Amino acid sequence: MRFSAASTADRLLPEPLAARARPFLDRLDSVVFTADDRGQASRTSLTAFAIRIVSAAIALISQIMMARWMGGFEYGIFVLVWTTMIIVGNLSCLGFHTSIVRYIPEYRERGRLGELRGVMAASRAFVLATSTLFAAAGLIGLWLFSDAVESYYVVPFYLGIVCLPMIALSDTLEGTARANSWAILALAPIYLLRPVLILALMGAAIFAGYLPDAKTGIVVAIVATYATTLFQLAAIAPQTGREVRDVPPLFRIREWVVVSLPIFLVEGFFFMLTNADVLMVGWFMNPDDVAVYFATVKTLALVHFVYFAVKAGVAQRYAQYAHGGNPEKLAAFARETVAWTFWPSLAMGAAVLVIGKPMLALFGPGFDAGYPLLFVLVAGVVARASVGPAESLLTMSGNQNICAVVYGATLALNVILNVFLIPLYGLWGAAISTAVAMACEAAMLSFTVWRRLGIVMIVPFPGRNNMGVA
């Protein structure tokens, strides 16, 4: 028996109140509780959204505790090194962690089980190999150029590089779970389990007498990442192997690499764009400033996770519709996903501006200096949300090359603005650069989707039908 919010309200609420709520609840039933693809995507996005809410709370508590334990200077070192490792670990996948989100539903839809088994096996082996090469290159590069790096960063960077293969494998397993619409398995290990382990292990390390410094924090993060990735592998690998157990694998390595590399550029540019401001602040300013800016960005994550939750729920559906020869259905679905992204982001942005200052004060003395920056950063995030997960629509529909160009241009703009504005205006320069880059990104993505797919992908305002196929 299928759950119905409207029927439940009829049973539990007084008749006048149930009658007034019925139009909204009927719409909720049609969007969320139907058994079709649209309902499944809605449920996946809502699950991802719920996980990201819990994750944001856990991450906030974790970062507050880490900042208070370490102090501003050591915390600034820790966040810069760990942010760099997360970025490089993601980049070392060379796009495979995202291309499998396209290939798994496509091969399953077309009954190509040999390729399905092949792409799942090849993605893990390929990512482990490339991330190990990235780690080796990083160690050699750090050894050769250690004199050019501030001394307090050298040892934490050496430690962090050890974790690159596990970060990359974890991202690939997340992509596999997303491709199968397993929202909990995709997001819970990275966004719930790993931060909880980092916090618990850091507390245990301090209790055992270790110094609460950046080196201890990085070691703790490494242990937590290895444990989380092994858990993902044990939970996801057996499930993905069942439907193809008796099918010989077919490998199309050349095709997969050709498709994955532009996606690598898209993901790489996007990841760099998301974190470039933190890295540039670390380049121009001292660890205490990095700590304040990172705490501000972490507070902003409450708005960011709306976008990521929707993206996690719809990417595989974009691929299915785009390669299923149904442009009208793709356009209608894209129209809905923009609304799913923008309005919750706007609401969360307003909430962050209300509670931002006391939240930043929890990090310790001086951290609330980042509160005014939130007004600029929230404007940029809401501007990005106004076009929904447009880059996912492009990459899942085979337009990853032009999407990479858009993100390359946006990243270049962001870096150039940071180089000029941070020396002049400090943290304000970083915030302004990021917000301007996000607004330009949204405009370019919306234009590109319209030109390539004929879909006008921009936020639909009430009473105005401004989306569809041109």
Protein backbone atom coordinates (compact mmCIF):
# COMPACT_ATOMS: atom_id res chain seq x y z
CA MET A 1 0.00 0.00 0.00
CA ARG A 2 1.49 3.36 -1.05
CA PHE A 3 1.83 6.16 1.52
CA SER A 4 -0.24 9.29 0.85
CA ALA A 5 0.27 12.55 2.72
CA ALA A 6 -3.21 13.76 1.68
CA SER A 7 -4.96 10.60 2.96
CA THR A 8 -3.00 10.71 6.19
CA ALA A 9 -4.03 14.34 6.73
CA ASP A 10 -7.70 13.42 6.12
CA ARG A 11 -7.47 10.82 8.88
CA LEU A 12 -5.56 12.88 11.44
CA LEU A 13 -6.59 16.52 10.93
CA PRO A 14 -9.94 18.28 11.48
CA GLU A 15 -11.94 18.40 8.25
CA PRO A 16 -11.63 22.18 7.58
CA LEU A 17 -7.86 22.10 8.11
CA ALA A 18 -7.45 18.95 6.01
CA ALA A 19 -9.47 20.54 3.19
CA ARG A 20 -7.25 23.63 3.17
CA ALA A 21 -4.08 21.51 3.19
CA ARG A 22 -5.25 19.06 0.51
CA PRO A 23 -4.06 21.01 -2.60
CA PHE A 24 -0.53 21.25 -1.21
CA LEU A 25 -0.50 17.64 0.01
CA ASP A 26 -1.85 16.35 -3.32
CA ARG A 27 1.04 18.10 -5.04
CA LEU A 28 3.46 16.63 -2.48
CA ASP A 29 2.07 13.14 -3.20
CA SER A 30 2.47 13.62 -6.95
CA VAL A 31 6.07 14.80 -6.61
CA VAL A 32 7.46 12.59 -3.85
CA PHE A 33 5.38 9.49 -3.28
CA THR A 34 4.69 8.30 -6.82
CA ALA A 35 6.39 5.14 -8.04
CA ASP A 36 7.64 6.62 -11.33
CA ASP A 37 11.09 7.99 -12.16
CA ARG A 38 10.11 11.48 -11.06
CA GLY A 39 9.05 10.24 -7.65
CA GLN A 40 12.22 8.19 -7.26
CA ALA A 41 14.39 11.20 -8.13
CA SER A 42 12.43 13.35 -5.67
CA ARG A 43 12.87 10.81 -2.89
CA THR A 44 16.57 10.48 -3.65
CA SER A 45 17.02 14.25 -3.54
CA LEU A 46 15.04 14.54 -0.31
CA THR A 47 17.09 11.75 1.26
CA ALA A 48 20.27 13.48 0.13
CA PHE A 49 18.92 16.77 1.46
CA ALA A 50 18.19 15.21 4.88
CA ILE A 51 21.65 13.64 5.00
CA ARG A 52 23.26 16.96 4.12
CA ILE A 53 21.28 18.71 6.88
CA VAL A 54 22.54 16.22 9.45
CA SER A 55 25.98 16.38 7.84
CA ALA A 56 26.05 20.17 8.10
CA ALA A 57 25.23 19.95 11.80
CA ILE A 58 27.90 17.30 12.38
CA ALA A 59 30.48 19.21 10.33
CA LEU A 60 29.72 22.43 12.18
CA ILE A 61 30.09 20.79 15.59
CA SER A 62 33.22 18.99 14.43
CA GLN A 63 34.88 22.13 13.06
CA ILE A 64 33.95 24.15 16.14
CA MET A 65 35.52 21.53 18.40
CA MET A 66 38.62 21.23 16.20
CA ALA A 67 39.05 25.02 16.15
CA ARG A 68 38.71 25.28 19.91
CA TRP A 69 41.09 22.37 20.52
CA MET A 70 43.74 23.57 18.08
CA GLY A 71 43.47 27.34 18.25
CA GLY A 72 43.28 29.61 15.22
CA PHE A 73 46.83 29.15 13.90
CA GLU A 74 47.00 25.32 13.99
CA TYR A 75 43.37 25.05 12.83
CA GLY A 76 44.20 27.26 9.83
CA ILE A 77 47.08 24.93 8.89
CA PHE A 78 44.87 21.87 9.26
CA VAL A 79 42.00 23.18 7.11
CA LEU A 80 44.30 24.39 4.33
CA VAL A 81 46.14 21.06 4.11
CA TRP A 82 43.04 18.90 4.39
CA THR A 83 41.08 21.02 1.88
CA THR A 84 43.99 20.63 -0.55
CA MET A 85 43.99 16.86 -0.09
CA ILE A 86 40.24 16.61 -0.69
CA ILE A 87 40.60 18.64 -3.89
CA VAL A 88 43.59 16.69 -5.23
CA GLY A 89 42.03 13.35 -4.25
CA ASN A 90 38.91 14.25 -6.20
CA LEU A 91 40.95 15.43 -9.19
CA SER A 92 43.03 12.25 -9.23
CA CYS A 93 39.90 10.29 -10.25
CA LEU A 94 40.29 11.97 -13.68
CA GLY A 95 36.51 12.16 -14.04
CA PHE A 96 35.76 8.43 -13.61
CA HIS A 97 33.89 9.02 -10.35
CA THR A 98 31.34 11.11 -12.29
CA SER A 99 31.29 9.38 -15.68
CA ILE A 100 30.09 6.17 -14.03
CA VAL A 101 27.01 8.08 -12.87
CA ARG A 102 26.24 8.41 -16.58
CA TYR A 103 27.35 4.97 -17.76
CA ILE A 104 25.75 2.72 -15.13
CA PRO A 105 22.12 3.80 -15.80
CA GLU A 106 22.81 4.03 -19.55
CA TYR A 107 24.20 0.47 -19.79
CA ARG A 108 21.46 -0.91 -17.55
CA GLU A 109 18.76 0.86 -19.60
CA ARG A 110 20.14 -0.65 -22.82
CA GLY A 111 20.80 -4.12 -21.37
CA ARG A 112 24.56 -3.89 -21.96
CA LEU A 113 25.54 -5.84 -18.84
CA GLY A 114 29.03 -6.71 -20.04
CA GLU A 115 29.94 -3.03 -20.30
CA LEU A 116 28.16 -2.43 -16.98
CA ARG A 117 30.38 -4.92 -15.20
CA GLY A 118 33.43 -3.63 -17.03
CA VAL A 119 32.95 0.04 -16.17
CA MET A 120 32.40 -0.68 -12.48
CA ALA A 121 35.54 -2.80 -12.22
CA ALA A 122 37.67 -0.52 -14.39
CA SER A 123 36.68 2.65 -12.52
CA ARG A 124 38.04 1.39 -9.19
CA ALA A 125 41.28 0.01 -10.62
CA PHE A 126 41.88 3.09 -12.76
CA VAL A 127 41.24 5.51 -9.89
CA LEU A 128 43.52 3.65 -7.48
CA ALA A 129 46.31 3.69 -10.09
CA THR A 130 45.98 7.38 -10.99
CA SER A 131 45.60 8.56 -7.39
CA THR A 132 48.73 6.61 -6.40
CA LEU A 133 50.62 8.37 -9.19
CA PHE A 134 49.28 11.73 -7.98
CA ALA A 135 50.44 10.89 -4.45
CA ALA A 136 53.92 9.92 -5.66
CA ALA A 137 54.18 13.11 -7.70
CA GLY A 138 53.07 15.13 -4.69
CA LEU A 139 55.69 13.61 -2.41
CA ILE A 140 58.45 14.21 -4.96
CA GLY A 141 57.28 17.76 -5.63
CA LEU A 142 57.07 18.61 -1.93
CA TRP A 143 60.57 17.21 -1.36
CA LEU A 144 62.02 19.22 -4.27
CA PHE A 145 60.29 22.50 -3.43
CA SER A 146 59.96 22.28 0.37
CA ASP A 147 62.09 25.43 0.73
CA ALA A 148 59.36 27.41 -1.03
CA VAL A 149 56.70 26.22 1.44
CA GLU A 150 56.27 27.70 4.90
CA SER A 151 57.92 25.33 7.39
CA TYR A 152 54.73 24.79 9.43
CA TYR A 153 52.98 23.36 6.34
CA VAL A 154 55.63 20.82 5.26
CA VAL A 155 55.02 17.90 7.64
CA PRO A 156 51.18 18.16 7.51
CA PHE A 157 51.35 18.09 3.69
CA TYR A 158 53.61 15.00 3.74
CA LEU A 159 51.09 13.28 6.00
CA GLY A 160 48.07 14.35 3.98
CA ILE A 161 49.42 13.01 0.69
CA VAL A 162 49.31 9.49 2.16
CA CYS A 163 45.51 9.69 2.09
CA LEU A 164 45.03 10.56 -1.60
CA PRO A 165 44.26 7.02 -2.92
CA MET A 166 41.60 6.44 -0.27
CA ILE A 167 39.96 9.81 -0.91
CA ALA A 168 39.82 9.04 -4.65
CA LEU A 169 38.43 5.52 -4.14
CA SER A 170 35.84 6.90 -1.72
CA ASP A 171 34.65 9.44 -4.33
CA THR A 172 34.40 6.66 -6.95
CA LEU A 173 32.33 4.46 -4.65
CA GLU A 174 30.09 7.42 -3.93
CA GLY A 175 29.57 7.84 -7.69
CA THR A 176 28.70 4.16 -8.05
CA ALA A 177 26.09 4.43 -5.30
CA ARG A 178 24.65 7.62 -6.82
CA ALA A 179 24.33 5.90 -10.20
CA ASN A 180 22.20 3.25 -8.53
CA SER A 181 20.08 5.84 -6.64
CA TRP A 182 21.40 4.59 -3.30
CA ALA A 183 21.37 8.01 -1.64
CA ILE A 184 22.19 6.77 1.86
CA LEU A 185 25.11 4.59 0.76
CA ALA A 186 26.36 7.38 -1.49
CA LEU A 187 26.36 10.18 1.05
CA ALA A 188 26.26 8.78 4.59
CA PRO A 189 29.82 7.38 4.70
CA ILE A 190 31.52 10.57 3.49
CA TYR A 191 29.22 13.17 5.02
CA LEU A 192 28.18 11.45 8.26
CA LEU A 193 30.56 8.64 9.17
CA ARG A 194 33.87 10.30 8.27
CA PRO A 195 33.37 13.60 10.17
CA VAL A 196 32.07 11.74 13.22
CA LEU A 197 35.15 9.49 13.16
CA ILE A 198 37.48 12.48 12.77
CA LEU A 199 35.90 14.21 15.77
CA ALA A 200 35.87 11.09 17.94
CA LEU A 201 39.45 10.12 17.08
CA MET A 202 40.70 13.67 17.65
CA GLY A 203 39.08 13.70 21.07
CA ALA A 204 40.61 10.31 21.86
CA ALA A 205 44.05 11.50 20.69
CA ILE A 206 43.94 14.57 22.93
CA PHE A 207 42.73 12.45 25.85
CA ALA A 208 45.68 10.11 25.23
CA GLY A 209 48.10 13.02 25.56
CA TYR A 210 48.84 13.95 21.92
CA LEU A 211 49.24 17.63 21.08
CA PRO A 212 46.08 19.23 19.61
CA ASP A 213 47.93 20.52 16.56
CA ALA A 214 47.59 20.27 12.77
CA LYS A 215 49.77 17.15 12.50
CA THR A 216 47.57 15.25 14.94
CA GLY A 217 44.47 16.44 13.09
CA ILE A 218 45.80 15.21 9.73
CA VAL A 219 46.74 11.79 11.14
CA VAL A 220 43.26 11.47 12.63
CA ALA A 221 41.68 12.45 9.31
CA ILE A 222 43.78 9.82 7.49
CA VAL A 223 42.66 7.03 9.83
CA ALA A 224 39.01 8.11 9.56
CA THR A 225 39.22 8.24 5.74
CA TYR A 226 40.73 4.77 5.43
CA ALA A 227 38.09 3.31 7.77
CA THR A 228 35.25 5.04 5.89
CA THR A 229 36.47 3.96 2.45
CA LEU A 230 36.85 0.32 3.49
CA PHE A 231 33.32 0.42 4.88
CA GLN A 232 32.03 1.83 1.56
CA LEU A 233 33.82 -0.90 -0.38
CA ALA A 234 32.34 -3.63 1.80
CA ALA A 235 28.82 -2.16 1.55
CA ILE A 236 28.70 -1.22 -2.15
CA ALA A 237 30.84 -3.76 -4.04
CA PRO A 238 28.72 -6.88 -3.26
CA GLN A 239 25.48 -5.14 -4.26
CA THR A 240 26.81 -3.88 -7.58
CA GLY A 241 28.17 -7.32 -8.46
CA ARG A 242 24.95 -9.29 -8.09
CA GLU A 243 23.24 -8.40 -11.36
CA VAL A 244 26.40 -8.96 -13.45
CA ARG A 245 27.95 -11.89 -11.58
CA ASP A 246 27.57 -14.35 -14.47
CA VAL A 247 28.30 -11.84 -17.24
CA PRO A 248 31.81 -11.59 -18.72
CA PRO A 249 33.08 -8.00 -18.47
CA LEU A 250 33.56 -5.87 -21.57
CA PHE A 251 36.06 -3.03 -21.36
CA ARG A 252 35.86 0.13 -23.44
CA ILE A 253 38.74 1.90 -21.76
CA ARG A 254 39.44 4.28 -24.62
CA GLU A 255 35.83 5.45 -24.79
CA TRP A 256 35.55 5.80 -21.02
CA VAL A 257 38.76 7.80 -20.78
CA VAL A 258 37.77 10.07 -23.68
CA VAL A 259 34.44 10.84 -22.00
CA SER A 260 35.88 11.03 -18.47
CA LEU A 261 38.66 13.51 -19.18
CA PRO A 262 36.34 16.44 -20.09
CA ILE A 263 34.26 15.54 -17.04
CA PHE A 264 37.52 15.60 -15.05
CA LEU A 265 38.02 19.16 -16.26
CA VAL A 266 34.43 20.08 -15.34
CA GLU A 267 34.65 18.50 -11.89
CA GLY A 268 38.17 19.78 -11.37
CA PHE A 269 37.28 23.33 -12.32
CA PHE A 270 34.11 23.14 -10.21
CA PHE A 271 35.97 21.76 -7.19
CA MET A 272 38.71 24.35 -7.59
CA LEU A 273 36.10 27.06 -8.01
CA THR A 274 34.36 25.95 -4.82
CA ASN A 275 37.61 25.97 -2.82
CA ALA A 276 39.84 28.45 -4.67
CA ASP A 277 39.06 31.24 -2.24
CA VAL A 278 40.30 29.20 0.75
CA LEU A 279 43.48 28.23 -1.10
CA MET A 280 44.12 31.80 -2.26
CA VAL A 281 43.60 33.16 1.25
CA GLY A 282 46.15 30.58 2.42
CA TRP A 283 48.58 31.78 -0.27
CA PHE A 284 48.32 35.50 0.57
CA MET A 285 47.42 35.53 4.27
CA ASN A 286 48.42 33.77 7.49
CA PRO A 287 46.79 30.66 9.03
CA ASP A 288 44.70 32.72 11.46
CA ASP A 289 42.98 34.44 8.50
CA VAL A 290 42.55 31.06 6.79
CA ALA A 291 40.82 29.80 9.94
CA VAL A 292 38.36 32.72 10.01
CA TYR A 293 37.56 32.46 6.31
CA PHE A 294 37.17 28.66 6.42
CA ALA A 295 34.81 28.91 9.41
CA THR A 296 32.73 31.41 7.42
CA VAL A 297 32.64 29.10 4.40
CA LYS A 298 31.66 26.17 6.65
CA THR A 299 28.73 28.19 7.93
CA LEU A 300 27.78 28.88 4.32
CA ALA A 301 27.71 25.11 3.70
CA LEU A 302 24.18 25.12 5.11
CA VAL A 303 23.15 26.82 1.85
CA HIS A 304 25.48 24.87 -0.44
CA PHE A 305 24.13 21.47 0.52
CA VAL A 306 20.75 22.16 -1.11
CA TYR A 307 22.47 22.27 -4.50
CA PHE A 308 24.54 19.16 -3.78
CA ALA A 309 21.51 17.24 -2.51
CA VAL A 310 19.50 17.94 -5.66
CA LYS A 311 22.51 17.13 -7.85
CA ALA A 312 22.93 13.78 -6.07
CA GLY A 313 19.31 12.86 -6.75
CA VAL A 314 18.93 13.91 -10.37
CA ALA A 315 22.22 13.27 -12.21
CA GLN A 316 21.47 9.66 -13.06
CA ARG A 317 17.92 10.63 -14.16
CA TYR A 318 19.34 13.29 -16.48
CA ALA A 319 21.48 10.58 -18.08
CA GLN A 320 18.52 8.23 -18.47
CA TYR A 321 16.29 10.83 -20.14
CA ALA A 322 19.05 12.36 -22.27
CA HIS A 323 20.06 9.00 -23.74
CA GLY A 324 16.51 7.65 -23.91
CA GLY A 325 15.45 9.90 -26.79
CA ASN A 326 12.87 11.90 -24.84
CA PRO A 327 13.80 15.63 -24.93
CA GLU A 328 10.37 16.78 -23.72
CA LYS A 329 10.64 14.67 -20.59
CA LEU A 330 14.19 15.87 -20.01
CA ALA A 331 13.12 19.51 -20.31
CA ALA A 332 10.19 19.07 -17.94
CA PHE A 333 12.37 17.33 -15.40
CA ALA A 334 15.07 20.01 -15.69
CA ARG A 335 12.40 22.65 -15.01
CA GLU A 336 11.48 20.96 -11.77
CA THR A 337 15.06 20.51 -10.58
CA VAL A 338 15.74 24.24 -10.86
CA ALA A 339 12.82 24.95 -8.52
CA TRP A 340 14.00 22.21 -6.15
CA THR A 341 17.38 23.97 -5.97
CA PHE A 342 16.56 27.68 -5.87
CA TRP A 343 13.75 28.12 -3.34
CA PRO A 344 15.27 25.98 -0.55
CA SER A 345 18.64 27.69 -1.18
CA LEU A 346 17.02 31.10 -0.82
CA ALA A 347 15.35 30.06 2.43
CA MET A 348 18.54 28.53 3.82
CA GLY A 349 20.51 31.63 2.81
CA ALA A 350 18.14 33.84 4.80
CA ALA A 351 18.43 31.50 7.78
CA VAL A 352 22.23 31.57 7.65
CA LEU A 353 22.24 35.37 7.68
CA VAL A 354 20.07 35.33 10.80
CA ILE A 355 22.10 32.78 12.78
CA GLY A 356 25.53 33.28 11.19
CA LYS A 357 27.12 35.56 13.78
CA PRO A 358 26.40 33.42 16.88
CA MET A 359 27.41 30.32 14.92
CA LEU A 360 30.79 31.84 14.03
CA ALA A 361 31.29 32.95 17.64
CA LEU A 362 31.14 29.29 18.65
CA PHE A 363 34.45 28.68 16.85
CA GLY A 364 36.25 30.89 19.34
CA PRO A 365 37.34 34.51 19.86
CA GLY A 366 37.71 36.51 16.66
CA PHE A 367 35.90 34.11 14.34
CA ASP A 368 32.76 36.28 14.20
CA ALA A 369 34.81 38.76 12.14
CA GLY A 370 33.78 36.65 9.16
CA TYR A 371 30.04 37.35 9.61
CA PRO A 372 29.78 40.38 7.25
CA LEU A 373 31.33 38.26 4.50
CA LEU A 374 28.30 35.96 4.62
CA PHE A 375 26.07 38.58 2.96
CA VAL A 376 28.30 38.63 -0.12
CA LEU A 377 28.83 34.85 -0.21
CA VAL A 378 25.12 34.00 0.25
CA ALA A 379 24.29 36.24 -2.73
CA GLY A 380 26.73 34.25 -4.87
CA VAL A 381 25.36 30.87 -3.79
CA VAL A 382 21.76 31.92 -4.44
CA ALA A 383 22.78 33.18 -7.89
CA ARG A 384 24.29 29.78 -8.68
CA ALA A 385 21.16 28.02 -7.37
CA SER A 386 18.97 30.04 -9.76
CA VAL A 387 19.95 27.75 -12.67
CA GLY A 388 19.82 24.45 -10.74
CA PRO A 389 22.37 21.68 -11.33
CA ALA A 390 22.91 22.85 -14.92
CA GLU A 391 26.43 21.44 -15.18
CA SER A 392 25.11 17.96 -14.32
CA LEU A 393 22.56 18.31 -17.12
CA LEU A 394 25.36 19.16 -19.56
CA THR A 395 27.75 16.40 -18.50
CA MET A 396 25.06 13.72 -18.32
CA SER A 397 23.77 14.66 -21.79
CA GLY A 398 27.17 14.40 -23.49
CA ASN A 399 28.02 18.12 -23.43
CA GLN A 400 30.89 17.78 -20.99
CA ASN A 401 33.39 19.51 -23.29
CA ILE A 402 31.62 22.86 -23.43
CA CYS A 403 30.82 22.56 -19.74
CA ALA A 404 34.56 22.23 -19.05
CA VAL A 405 35.16 25.41 -21.03
CA VAL A 406 32.56 27.26 -18.92
CA TYR A 407 34.14 26.11 -15.67
CA GLY A 408 37.64 26.83 -16.91
CA ALA A 409 36.63 30.40 -17.72
CA THR A 410 34.88 30.79 -14.36
CA LEU A 411 37.87 29.46 -12.44
CA ALA A 412 40.23 31.77 -14.35
CA LEU A 413 37.99 34.73 -13.50
CA ASN A 414 37.88 33.70 -9.83
CA VAL A 415 41.67 33.32 -9.55
CA ILE A 416 42.35 36.61 -11.33
CA LEU A 417 39.92 38.46 -9.08
CA ASN A 418 41.44 36.86 -5.96
CA VAL A 419 44.98 37.77 -7.04
CA PHE A 420 44.00 41.43 -7.42
CA LEU A 421 41.44 41.82 -4.62
CA ILE A 422 42.89 39.81 -1.68
CA PRO A 423 46.06 41.94 -1.41
CA LEU A 424 43.86 45.08 -1.52
CA TYR A 425 40.86 44.08 0.60
CA GLY A 426 41.89 40.92 2.46
CA LEU A 427 39.04 38.52 3.23
CA TRP A 428 36.54 40.89 1.63
CA GLY A 429 38.45 40.52 -1.62
CA ALA A 430 38.13 36.73 -1.45
CA ALA A 431 34.39 36.91 -0.74
CA ILE A 432 33.69 39.39 -3.55
CA SER A 433 35.76 37.36 -6.03
CA THR A 434 33.88 34.17 -5.18
CA ALA A 435 30.42 35.75 -5.37
CA VAL A 436 31.12 37.42 -8.73
CA ALA A 437 32.53 34.17 -10.14
CA MET A 438 29.46 32.19 -9.02
CA ALA A 439 27.09 34.69 -10.62
CA CYS A 440 29.04 34.56 -13.90
CA GLU A 441 29.10 30.76 -13.72
CA ALA A 442 25.30 30.65 -13.41
CA ALA A 443 24.82 32.98 -16.37
CA MET A 444 27.20 31.04 -18.62
CA LEU A 445 25.73 27.65 -17.68
CA SER A 446 22.17 28.80 -18.30
CA PHE A 447 23.13 30.22 -21.71
CA THR A 448 25.05 27.04 -22.62
CA VAL A 449 22.15 24.74 -21.70
CA TRP A 450 19.83 26.86 -23.85
CA ARG A 451 22.21 26.83 -26.82
CA ARG A 452 23.04 23.11 -26.65
CA LEU A 453 19.78 21.55 -25.44
CA GLY A 454 17.17 24.22 -26.15
CA ILE A 455 16.15 24.24 -22.48
CA VAL A 456 15.65 27.59 -20.76
CA MET A 457 17.08 26.62 -17.38
CA ILE A 458 16.49 29.47 -14.95
CA VAL A 459 14.45 29.75 -11.78
CA PRO A 460 10.67 29.74 -12.44
CA PHE A 461 8.95 32.52 -10.53
CA PRO A 462 5.36 32.05 -9.37
CA GLY A 463 2.86 32.75 -12.10
CA ARG A 464 5.47 32.79 -14.83
CA ASN A 465 6.12 29.84 -17.13
CA ASN A 466 9.66 30.63 -18.24
CA MET A 467 11.09 27.18 -18.70
CA GLY A 468 10.84 24.45 -21.21
CA VAL A 469 12.20 23.62 -24.62
CA ALA A 470 12.97 26.58 -26.83
